[in-house]
mmCIF file of all heavy atoms, coordinates in Angstrom:
data_MODEL
# 
_entry.id   MODEL 
# 
loop_
_atom_site.group_PDB 
_atom_site.id 
_atom_site.type_symbol 
_atom_site.label_atom_id 
_atom_site.label_alt_id 
_atom_site.label_comp_id 
_atom_site.label_asym_id 
_atom_site.label_entity_id 
_atom_site.label_seq_id 
_atom_site.pdbx_PDB_ins_code 
_atom_site.Cartn_x 
_atom_site.Cartn_y 
_atom_site.Cartn_z 
_atom_site.occupancy 
_atom_site.B_iso_or_equiv 
_atom_site.pdbx_formal_charge 
_atom_site.auth_seq_id 
_atom_site.auth_comp_id 
_atom_site.auth_asym_id 
_atom_site.auth_atom_id 
_atom_site.pdbx_PDB_model_num 
ATOM 1   N N   . VAL A 1 1  ? 145.647 8.343  128.872 1.00 0.00 ? 1  VAL A N   1 
ATOM 2   C CA  . VAL A 1 1  ? 144.446 8.953  129.462 1.00 0.00 ? 1  VAL A CA  1 
ATOM 3   C C   . VAL A 1 1  ? 144.100 10.246 128.735 1.00 0.00 ? 1  VAL A C   1 
ATOM 4   O O   . VAL A 1 1  ? 142.926 10.495 128.415 1.00 0.00 ? 1  VAL A O   1 
ATOM 5   C CB  . VAL A 1 1  ? 144.662 9.212  130.966 1.00 0.00 ? 1  VAL A CB  1 
ATOM 6   C CG1 . VAL A 1 1  ? 143.541 10.083 131.530 1.00 0.00 ? 1  VAL A CG1 1 
ATOM 7   C CG2 . VAL A 1 1  ? 144.729 7.897  131.734 1.00 0.00 ? 1  VAL A CG2 1 
ATOM 8   N N   . VAL A 1 2  ? 145.112 11.072 128.457 1.00 0.00 ? 2  VAL A N   1 
ATOM 9   C CA  . VAL A 1 2  ? 144.865 12.313 127.721 1.00 0.00 ? 2  VAL A CA  1 
ATOM 10  C C   . VAL A 1 2  ? 144.309 12.011 126.339 1.00 0.00 ? 2  VAL A C   1 
ATOM 11  O O   . VAL A 1 2  ? 143.361 12.658 125.871 1.00 0.00 ? 2  VAL A O   1 
ATOM 12  C CB  . VAL A 1 2  ? 146.169 13.136 127.608 1.00 0.00 ? 2  VAL A CB  1 
ATOM 13  C CG1 . VAL A 1 2  ? 145.990 14.307 126.630 1.00 0.00 ? 2  VAL A CG1 1 
ATOM 14  C CG2 . VAL A 1 2  ? 146.592 13.656 128.969 1.00 0.00 ? 2  VAL A CG2 1 
ATOM 15  N N   . ILE A 1 3  ? 144.869 11.012 125.659 1.00 0.00 ? 3  ILE A N   1 
ATOM 16  C CA  . ILE A 1 3  ? 144.390 10.640 124.330 1.00 0.00 ? 3  ILE A CA  1 
ATOM 17  C C   . ILE A 1 3  ? 142.948 10.145 124.391 1.00 0.00 ? 3  ILE A C   1 
ATOM 18  O O   . ILE A 1 3  ? 142.105 10.523 123.570 1.00 0.00 ? 3  ILE A O   1 
ATOM 19  C CB  . ILE A 1 3  ? 145.312 9.567  123.711 1.00 0.00 ? 3  ILE A CB  1 
ATOM 20  C CG1 . ILE A 1 3  ? 146.685 10.170 123.398 1.00 0.00 ? 3  ILE A CG1 1 
ATOM 21  C CG2 . ILE A 1 3  ? 144.698 8.992  122.441 1.00 0.00 ? 3  ILE A CG2 1 
ATOM 22  C CD1 . ILE A 1 3  ? 147.736 9.139  123.020 1.00 0.00 ? 3  ILE A CD1 1 
ATOM 23  N N   . ALA A 1 4  ? 142.647 9.296  125.384 1.00 0.00 ? 4  ALA A N   1 
ATOM 24  C CA  . ALA A 1 4  ? 141.289 8.760  125.507 1.00 0.00 ? 4  ALA A CA  1 
ATOM 25  C C   . ALA A 1 4  ? 140.269 9.858  125.813 1.00 0.00 ? 4  ALA A C   1 
ATOM 26  O O   . ALA A 1 4  ? 139.197 9.925  125.198 1.00 0.00 ? 4  ALA A O   1 
ATOM 27  C CB  . ALA A 1 4  ? 141.255 7.686  126.595 1.00 0.00 ? 4  ALA A CB  1 
ATOM 28  N N   . LEU A 1 5  ? 140.608 10.725 126.747 1.00 0.00 ? 5  LEU A N   1 
ATOM 29  C CA  . LEU A 1 5  ? 139.697 11.825 127.071 1.00 0.00 ? 5  LEU A CA  1 
ATOM 30  C C   . LEU A 1 5  ? 139.551 12.773 125.882 1.00 0.00 ? 5  LEU A C   1 
ATOM 31  O O   . LEU A 1 5  ? 138.458 13.282 125.599 1.00 0.00 ? 5  LEU A O   1 
ATOM 32  C CB  . LEU A 1 5  ? 140.221 12.584 128.291 1.00 0.00 ? 5  LEU A CB  1 
ATOM 33  C CG  . LEU A 1 5  ? 140.195 11.815 129.618 1.00 0.00 ? 5  LEU A CG  1 
ATOM 34  C CD1 . LEU A 1 5  ? 140.810 12.675 130.730 1.00 0.00 ? 5  LEU A CD1 1 
ATOM 35  C CD2 . LEU A 1 5  ? 138.775 11.410 129.989 1.00 0.00 ? 5  LEU A CD2 1 
ATOM 36  N N   . GLY A 1 6  ? 140.665 12.996 125.178 1.00 0.00 ? 6  GLY A N   1 
ATOM 37  C CA  . GLY A 1 6  ? 140.610 13.846 123.990 1.00 0.00 ? 6  GLY A CA  1 
ATOM 38  C C   . GLY A 1 6  ? 139.729 13.258 122.910 1.00 0.00 ? 6  GLY A C   1 
ATOM 39  O O   . GLY A 1 6  ? 139.017 13.982 122.209 1.00 0.00 ? 6  GLY A O   1 
ATOM 40  N N   . ALA A 1 7  ? 139.767 11.926 122.765 1.00 0.00 ? 7  ALA A N   1 
ATOM 41  C CA  . ALA A 1 7  ? 138.925 11.272 121.769 1.00 0.00 ? 7  ALA A CA  1 
ATOM 42  C C   . ALA A 1 7  ? 137.446 11.501 122.065 1.00 0.00 ? 7  ALA A C   1 
ATOM 43  O O   . ALA A 1 7  ? 136.647 11.785 121.167 1.00 0.00 ? 7  ALA A O   1 
ATOM 44  C CB  . ALA A 1 7  ? 139.234 9.781  121.730 1.00 0.00 ? 7  ALA A CB  1 
ATOM 45  N N   . VAL A 1 8  ? 137.094 11.394 123.339 1.00 0.00 ? 8  VAL A N   1 
ATOM 46  C CA  . VAL A 1 8  ? 135.692 11.626 123.730 1.00 0.00 ? 8  VAL A CA  1 
ATOM 47  C C   . VAL A 1 8  ? 135.330 13.096 123.546 1.00 0.00 ? 8  VAL A C   1 
ATOM 48  O O   . VAL A 1 8  ? 134.260 13.427 123.023 1.00 0.00 ? 8  VAL A O   1 
ATOM 49  C CB  . VAL A 1 8  ? 135.477 11.202 125.198 1.00 0.00 ? 8  VAL A CB  1 
ATOM 50  C CG1 . VAL A 1 8  ? 134.081 11.592 125.672 1.00 0.00 ? 8  VAL A CG1 1 
ATOM 51  C CG2 . VAL A 1 8  ? 135.700 9.701  125.351 1.00 0.00 ? 8  VAL A CG2 1 
ATOM 52  N N   . TRP A 1 9  ? 136.220 13.972 123.932 1.00 0.00 ? 9  TRP A N   1 
ATOM 53  C CA  . TRP A 1 9  ? 135.970 15.409 123.926 1.00 0.00 ? 9  TRP A CA  1 
ATOM 54  C C   . TRP A 1 9  ? 135.931 15.985 122.511 1.00 0.00 ? 9  TRP A C   1 
ATOM 55  O O   . TRP A 1 9  ? 135.140 16.880 122.221 1.00 0.00 ? 9  TRP A O   1 
ATOM 56  C CB  . TRP A 1 9  ? 137.067 16.090 124.731 1.00 0.00 ? 9  TRP A CB  1 
ATOM 57  C CG  . TRP A 1 9  ? 136.753 17.470 125.203 1.00 0.00 ? 9  TRP A CG  1 
ATOM 58  C CD1 . TRP A 1 9  ? 135.542 17.972 125.580 1.00 0.00 ? 9  TRP A CD1 1 
ATOM 59  C CD2 . TRP A 1 9  ? 137.694 18.534 125.379 1.00 0.00 ? 9  TRP A CD2 1 
ATOM 60  N NE1 . TRP A 1 9  ? 135.659 19.275 125.975 1.00 0.00 ? 9  TRP A NE1 1 
ATOM 61  C CE2 . TRP A 1 9  ? 136.974 19.644 125.857 1.00 0.00 ? 9  TRP A CE2 1 
ATOM 62  C CE3 . TRP A 1 9  ? 139.072 18.637 125.186 1.00 0.00 ? 9  TRP A CE3 1 
ATOM 63  C CZ2 . TRP A 1 9  ? 137.584 20.869 126.134 1.00 0.00 ? 9  TRP A CZ2 1 
ATOM 64  C CZ3 . TRP A 1 9  ? 139.690 19.841 125.477 1.00 0.00 ? 9  TRP A CZ3 1 
ATOM 65  C CH2 . TRP A 1 9  ? 138.945 20.946 125.941 1.00 0.00 ? 9  TRP A CH2 1 
ATOM 66  N N   . VAL A 1 10 ? 136.759 15.438 121.627 1.00 0.00 ? 10 VAL A N   1 
ATOM 67  C CA  . VAL A 1 10 ? 136.886 16.007 120.284 1.00 0.00 ? 10 VAL A CA  1 
ATOM 68  C C   . VAL A 1 10 ? 136.149 15.175 119.240 1.00 0.00 ? 10 VAL A C   1 
ATOM 69  O O   . VAL A 1 10 ? 135.285 15.686 118.515 1.00 0.00 ? 10 VAL A O   1 
ATOM 70  C CB  . VAL A 1 10 ? 138.379 16.130 119.887 1.00 0.00 ? 10 VAL A CB  1 
ATOM 71  C CG1 . VAL A 1 10 ? 138.506 16.637 118.442 1.00 0.00 ? 10 VAL A CG1 1 
ATOM 72  C CG2 . VAL A 1 10 ? 139.112 17.067 120.832 1.00 0.00 ? 10 VAL A CG2 1 
ATOM 73  N N   . CYS A 1 11 ? 136.466 13.879 119.148 1.00 0.00 ? 11 CYS A N   1 
ATOM 74  C CA  . CYS A 1 11 ? 135.956 13.067 118.044 1.00 0.00 ? 11 CYS A CA  1 
ATOM 75  C C   . CYS A 1 11 ? 134.458 12.800 118.129 1.00 0.00 ? 11 CYS A C   1 
ATOM 76  O O   . CYS A 1 11 ? 133.759 12.819 117.121 1.00 0.00 ? 11 CYS A O   1 
ATOM 77  C CB  . CYS A 1 11 ? 136.718 11.748 117.970 1.00 0.00 ? 11 CYS A CB  1 
ATOM 78  S SG  . CYS A 1 11 ? 138.435 11.957 117.475 1.00 0.00 ? 11 CYS A SG  1 
ATOM 79  N N   . LEU A 1 12 ? 133.961 12.520 119.332 1.00 0.00 ? 12 LEU A N   1 
ATOM 80  C CA  . LEU A 1 12 ? 132.528 12.269 119.452 1.00 0.00 ? 12 LEU A CA  1 
ATOM 81  C C   . LEU A 1 12 ? 131.727 13.506 119.079 1.00 0.00 ? 12 LEU A C   1 
ATOM 82  O O   . LEU A 1 12 ? 130.672 13.417 118.440 1.00 0.00 ? 12 LEU A O   1 
ATOM 83  C CB  . LEU A 1 12 ? 132.183 11.817 120.872 1.00 0.00 ? 12 LEU A CB  1 
ATOM 84  C CG  . LEU A 1 12 ? 132.607 10.391 121.256 1.00 0.00 ? 12 LEU A CG  1 
ATOM 85  C CD1 . LEU A 1 12 ? 132.149 10.069 122.662 1.00 0.00 ? 12 LEU A CD1 1 
ATOM 86  C CD2 . LEU A 1 12 ? 132.058 9.383  120.267 1.00 0.00 ? 12 LEU A CD2 1 
ATOM 87  N N   . ARG A 1 13 ? 132.211 14.664 119.460 1.00 0.00 ? 13 ARG A N   1 
ATOM 88  C CA  . ARG A 1 13 ? 131.521 15.910 119.129 1.00 0.00 ? 13 ARG A CA  1 
ATOM 89  C C   . ARG A 1 13 ? 131.443 16.124 117.621 1.00 0.00 ? 13 ARG A C   1 
ATOM 90  O O   . ARG A 1 13 ? 130.455 16.637 117.106 1.00 0.00 ? 13 ARG A O   1 
ATOM 91  C CB  . ARG A 1 13 ? 132.242 17.084 119.792 1.00 0.00 ? 13 ARG A CB  1 
ATOM 92  C CG  . ARG A 1 13 ? 131.630 18.439 119.509 1.00 0.00 ? 13 ARG A CG  1 
ATOM 93  C CD  . ARG A 1 13 ? 132.455 19.546 120.139 1.00 0.00 ? 13 ARG A CD  1 
ATOM 94  N NE  . ARG A 1 13 ? 131.945 20.867 119.811 1.00 0.00 ? 13 ARG A NE  1 
ATOM 95  C CZ  . ARG A 1 13 ? 131.024 21.510 120.503 1.00 0.00 ? 13 ARG A CZ  1 
ATOM 96  N NH1 . ARG A 1 13 ? 130.499 20.942 121.571 1.00 0.00 ? 13 ARG A NH1 1 
ATOM 97  N NH2 . ARG A 1 13 ? 130.616 22.707 120.142 1.00 0.00 ? 13 ARG A NH2 1 
ATOM 98  N N   . MET A 1 14 ? 132.486 15.690 116.910 1.00 0.00 ? 14 MET A N   1 
ATOM 99  C CA  . MET A 1 14 ? 132.525 15.877 115.460 1.00 0.00 ? 14 MET A CA  1 
ATOM 100 C C   . MET A 1 14 ? 131.967 14.673 114.698 1.00 0.00 ? 14 MET A C   1 
ATOM 101 O O   . MET A 1 14 ? 132.034 14.623 113.485 1.00 0.00 ? 14 MET A O   1 
ATOM 102 C CB  . MET A 1 14 ? 133.964 16.157 115.011 1.00 0.00 ? 14 MET A CB  1 
ATOM 103 C CG  . MET A 1 14 ? 134.516 17.452 115.534 1.00 0.00 ? 14 MET A CG  1 
ATOM 104 S SD  . MET A 1 14 ? 136.082 17.929 114.766 1.00 0.00 ? 14 MET A SD  1 
ATOM 105 C CE  . MET A 1 14 ? 137.157 16.603 115.320 1.00 0.00 ? 14 MET A CE  1 
ATOM 106 N N   . ARG A 1 15 ? 131.431 13.690 115.429 1.00 0.00 ? 15 ARG A N   1 
ATOM 107 C CA  . ARG A 1 15 ? 130.818 12.505 114.834 1.00 0.00 ? 15 ARG A CA  1 
ATOM 108 C C   . ARG A 1 15 ? 131.811 11.748 113.952 1.00 0.00 ? 15 ARG A C   1 
ATOM 109 O O   . ARG A 1 15 ? 131.497 11.325 112.834 1.00 0.00 ? 15 ARG A O   1 
ATOM 110 C CB  . ARG A 1 15 ? 129.578 12.887 114.031 1.00 0.00 ? 15 ARG A CB  1 
ATOM 111 C CG  . ARG A 1 15 ? 128.456 13.439 114.904 1.00 0.00 ? 15 ARG A CG  1 
ATOM 112 C CD  . ARG A 1 15 ? 127.307 13.956 114.094 1.00 0.00 ? 15 ARG A CD  1 
ATOM 113 N NE  . ARG A 1 15 ? 126.213 14.404 114.950 1.00 0.00 ? 15 ARG A NE  1 
ATOM 114 C CZ  . ARG A 1 15 ? 125.147 15.062 114.519 1.00 0.00 ? 15 ARG A CZ  1 
ATOM 115 N NH1 . ARG A 1 15 ? 125.050 15.371 113.238 1.00 0.00 ? 15 ARG A NH1 1 
ATOM 116 N NH2 . ARG A 1 15 ? 124.201 15.424 115.361 1.00 0.00 ? 15 ARG A NH2 1 
ATOM 117 N N   . MET A 1 16 ? 132.999 11.566 114.476 1.00 0.00 ? 16 MET A N   1 
ATOM 118 C CA  . MET A 1 16 ? 134.048 10.872 113.731 1.00 0.00 ? 16 MET A CA  1 
ATOM 119 C C   . MET A 1 16 ? 134.220 9.416  114.158 1.00 0.00 ? 16 MET A C   1 
ATOM 120 O O   . MET A 1 16 ? 135.104 8.728  113.645 1.00 0.00 ? 16 MET A O   1 
ATOM 121 C CB  . MET A 1 16 ? 135.386 11.606 113.899 1.00 0.00 ? 16 MET A CB  1 
ATOM 122 C CG  . MET A 1 16 ? 135.470 12.919 113.164 1.00 0.00 ? 16 MET A CG  1 
ATOM 123 S SD  . MET A 1 16 ? 135.488 12.658 111.362 1.00 0.00 ? 16 MET A SD  1 
ATOM 124 C CE  . MET A 1 16 ? 135.488 14.368 110.790 1.00 0.00 ? 16 MET A CE  1 
ATOM 125 N N   . LEU A 1 17 ? 133.403 8.925  115.098 1.00 0.00 ? 17 LEU A N   1 
ATOM 126 C CA  . LEU A 1 17 ? 133.558 7.558  115.576 1.00 0.00 ? 17 LEU A CA  1 
ATOM 127 C C   . LEU A 1 17 ? 133.456 6.525  114.450 1.00 0.00 ? 17 LEU A C   1 
ATOM 128 O O   . LEU A 1 17 ? 134.255 5.574  114.419 1.00 0.00 ? 17 LEU A O   1 
ATOM 129 C CB  . LEU A 1 17 ? 132.544 7.254  116.674 1.00 0.00 ? 17 LEU A CB  1 
ATOM 130 C CG  . LEU A 1 17 ? 132.663 5.877  117.336 1.00 0.00 ? 17 LEU A CG  1 
ATOM 131 C CD1 . LEU A 1 17 ? 134.050 5.687  117.949 1.00 0.00 ? 17 LEU A CD1 1 
ATOM 132 C CD2 . LEU A 1 17 ? 131.584 5.700  118.396 1.00 0.00 ? 17 LEU A CD2 1 
ATOM 133 N N   . PRO A 1 18 ? 132.506 6.648  113.497 1.00 0.00 ? 18 PRO A N   1 
ATOM 134 C CA  . PRO A 1 18 ? 132.472 5.664  112.403 1.00 0.00 ? 18 PRO A CA  1 
ATOM 135 C C   . PRO A 1 18 ? 133.774 5.619  111.613 1.00 0.00 ? 18 PRO A C   1 
ATOM 136 O O   . PRO A 1 18 ? 134.228 4.534  111.216 1.00 0.00 ? 18 PRO A O   1 
ATOM 137 C CB  . PRO A 1 18 ? 131.301 6.150  111.528 1.00 0.00 ? 18 PRO A CB  1 
ATOM 138 C CG  . PRO A 1 18 ? 130.419 6.886  112.473 1.00 0.00 ? 18 PRO A CG  1 
ATOM 139 C CD  . PRO A 1 18 ? 131.348 7.573  113.429 1.00 0.00 ? 18 PRO A CD  1 
ATOM 140 N N   . MET A 1 19 ? 134.374 6.780  111.380 1.00 0.00 ? 19 MET A N   1 
ATOM 141 C CA  . MET A 1 19 ? 135.651 6.814  110.662 1.00 0.00 ? 19 MET A CA  1 
ATOM 142 C C   . MET A 1 19 ? 136.742 6.125  111.479 1.00 0.00 ? 19 MET A C   1 
ATOM 143 O O   . MET A 1 19 ? 137.543 5.346  110.939 1.00 0.00 ? 19 MET A O   1 
ATOM 144 C CB  . MET A 1 19 ? 136.039 8.264  110.381 1.00 0.00 ? 19 MET A CB  1 
ATOM 145 C CG  . MET A 1 19 ? 137.340 8.438  109.605 1.00 0.00 ? 19 MET A CG  1 
ATOM 146 S SD  . MET A 1 19 ? 138.828 8.408  110.651 1.00 0.00 ? 19 MET A SD  1 
ATOM 147 C CE  . MET A 1 19 ? 138.580 9.854  111.675 1.00 0.00 ? 19 MET A CE  1 
ATOM 148 N N   . VAL A 1 20 ? 136.780 6.400  112.790 1.00 0.00 ? 20 VAL A N   1 
ATOM 149 C CA  . VAL A 1 20 ? 137.797 5.802  113.656 1.00 0.00 ? 20 VAL A CA  1 
ATOM 150 C C   . VAL A 1 20 ? 137.671 4.278  113.650 1.00 0.00 ? 20 VAL A C   1 
ATOM 151 O O   . VAL A 1 20 ? 138.662 3.548  113.515 1.00 0.00 ? 20 VAL A O   1 
ATOM 152 C CB  . VAL A 1 20 ? 137.676 6.357  115.085 1.00 0.00 ? 20 VAL A CB  1 
ATOM 153 C CG1 . VAL A 1 20 ? 138.586 5.591  116.040 1.00 0.00 ? 20 VAL A CG1 1 
ATOM 154 C CG2 . VAL A 1 20 ? 138.008 7.846  115.114 1.00 0.00 ? 20 VAL A CG2 1 
ATOM 155 N N   . LEU A 1 21 ? 136.456 3.770  113.777 1.00 0.00 ? 21 LEU A N   1 
ATOM 156 C CA  . LEU A 1 21 ? 136.231 2.325  113.780 1.00 0.00 ? 21 LEU A CA  1 
ATOM 157 C C   . LEU A 1 21 ? 136.540 1.720  112.416 1.00 0.00 ? 21 LEU A C   1 
ATOM 158 O O   . LEU A 1 21 ? 137.123 0.631  112.328 1.00 0.00 ? 21 LEU A O   1 
ATOM 159 C CB  . LEU A 1 21 ? 134.790 2.015  114.176 1.00 0.00 ? 21 LEU A CB  1 
ATOM 160 C CG  . LEU A 1 21 ? 134.405 2.350  115.621 1.00 0.00 ? 21 LEU A CG  1 
ATOM 161 C CD1 . LEU A 1 21 ? 132.923 2.100  115.850 1.00 0.00 ? 21 LEU A CD1 1 
ATOM 162 C CD2 . LEU A 1 21 ? 135.244 1.536  116.601 1.00 0.00 ? 21 LEU A CD2 1 
ATOM 163 N N   . ALA A 1 22 ? 136.152 2.413  111.349 1.00 0.00 ? 22 ALA A N   1 
ATOM 164 C CA  . ALA A 1 22 ? 136.388 1.906  110.000 1.00 0.00 ? 22 ALA A CA  1 
ATOM 165 C C   . ALA A 1 22 ? 137.871 1.808  109.688 1.00 0.00 ? 22 ALA A C   1 
ATOM 166 O O   . ALA A 1 22 ? 138.287 0.976  108.879 1.00 0.00 ? 22 ALA A O   1 
ATOM 167 C CB  . ALA A 1 22 ? 135.697 2.795  108.968 1.00 0.00 ? 22 ALA A CB  1 
ATOM 168 N N   . PHE A 1 23 ? 138.673 2.645  110.326 1.00 0.00 ? 23 PHE A N   1 
ATOM 169 C CA  . PHE A 1 23 ? 140.122 2.532  110.183 1.00 0.00 ? 23 PHE A CA  1 
ATOM 170 C C   . PHE A 1 23 ? 140.678 1.474  111.120 1.00 0.00 ? 23 PHE A C   1 
ATOM 171 O O   . PHE A 1 23 ? 141.447 0.603  110.712 1.00 0.00 ? 23 PHE A O   1 
ATOM 172 C CB  . PHE A 1 23 ? 140.795 3.875  110.467 1.00 0.00 ? 23 PHE A CB  1 
ATOM 173 C CG  . PHE A 1 23 ? 142.307 3.791  110.478 1.00 0.00 ? 23 PHE A CG  1 
ATOM 174 C CD1 . PHE A 1 23 ? 143.019 3.976  109.309 1.00 0.00 ? 23 PHE A CD1 1 
ATOM 175 C CD2 . PHE A 1 23 ? 142.999 3.511  111.649 1.00 0.00 ? 23 PHE A CD2 1 
ATOM 176 C CE1 . PHE A 1 23 ? 144.406 3.875  109.302 1.00 0.00 ? 23 PHE A CE1 1 
ATOM 177 C CE2 . PHE A 1 23 ? 144.382 3.415  111.661 1.00 0.00 ? 23 PHE A CE2 1 
ATOM 178 C CZ  . PHE A 1 23 ? 145.084 3.598  110.478 1.00 0.00 ? 23 PHE A CZ  1 
ATOM 179 N N   . SER A 1 24 ? 140.319 1.551  112.381 1.00 0.00 ? 24 SER A N   1 
ATOM 180 C CA  . SER A 1 24 ? 140.984 0.766  113.421 1.00 0.00 ? 24 SER A CA  1 
ATOM 181 C C   . SER A 1 24 ? 140.764 -0.734 113.281 1.00 0.00 ? 24 SER A C   1 
ATOM 182 O O   . SER A 1 24 ? 141.704 -1.528 113.481 1.00 0.00 ? 24 SER A O   1 
ATOM 183 C CB  . SER A 1 24 ? 140.508 1.226  114.800 1.00 0.00 ? 24 SER A CB  1 
ATOM 184 O OG  . SER A 1 24 ? 140.787 2.594  114.993 1.00 0.00 ? 24 SER A OG  1 
ATOM 185 N N   . VAL A 1 25 ? 139.550 -1.146 112.947 1.00 0.00 ? 25 VAL A N   1 
ATOM 186 C CA  . VAL A 1 25 ? 139.257 -2.587 112.876 1.00 0.00 ? 25 VAL A CA  1 
ATOM 187 C C   . VAL A 1 25 ? 140.031 -3.261 111.742 1.00 0.00 ? 25 VAL A C   1 
ATOM 188 O O   . VAL A 1 25 ? 140.784 -4.216 111.991 1.00 0.00 ? 25 VAL A O   1 
ATOM 189 C CB  . VAL A 1 25 ? 137.741 -2.831 112.767 1.00 0.00 ? 25 VAL A CB  1 
ATOM 190 C CG1 . VAL A 1 25 ? 137.464 -4.316 112.524 1.00 0.00 ? 25 VAL A CG1 1 
ATOM 191 C CG2 . VAL A 1 25 ? 137.029 -2.369 114.031 1.00 0.00 ? 25 VAL A CG2 1 
ATOM 192 N N   . PRO A 1 26 ? 139.894 -2.816 110.489 1.00 0.00 ? 26 PRO A N   1 
ATOM 193 C CA  . PRO A 1 26 ? 140.687 -3.483 109.439 1.00 0.00 ? 26 PRO A CA  1 
ATOM 194 C C   . PRO A 1 26 ? 142.189 -3.291 109.612 1.00 0.00 ? 26 PRO A C   1 
ATOM 195 O O   . PRO A 1 26 ? 142.968 -4.202 109.325 1.00 0.00 ? 26 PRO A O   1 
ATOM 196 C CB  . PRO A 1 26 ? 140.182 -2.842 108.140 1.00 0.00 ? 26 PRO A CB  1 
ATOM 197 C CG  . PRO A 1 26 ? 139.542 -1.567 108.547 1.00 0.00 ? 26 PRO A CG  1 
ATOM 198 C CD  . PRO A 1 26 ? 139.004 -1.797 109.915 1.00 0.00 ? 26 PRO A CD  1 
# 
């Protein structure tokens, strides 16, 4: 839960979602 909330709080603000998806899917 902390990791998930942190992802929303930190990564979305820094527009890192494309990087996260580009890593996670492959």
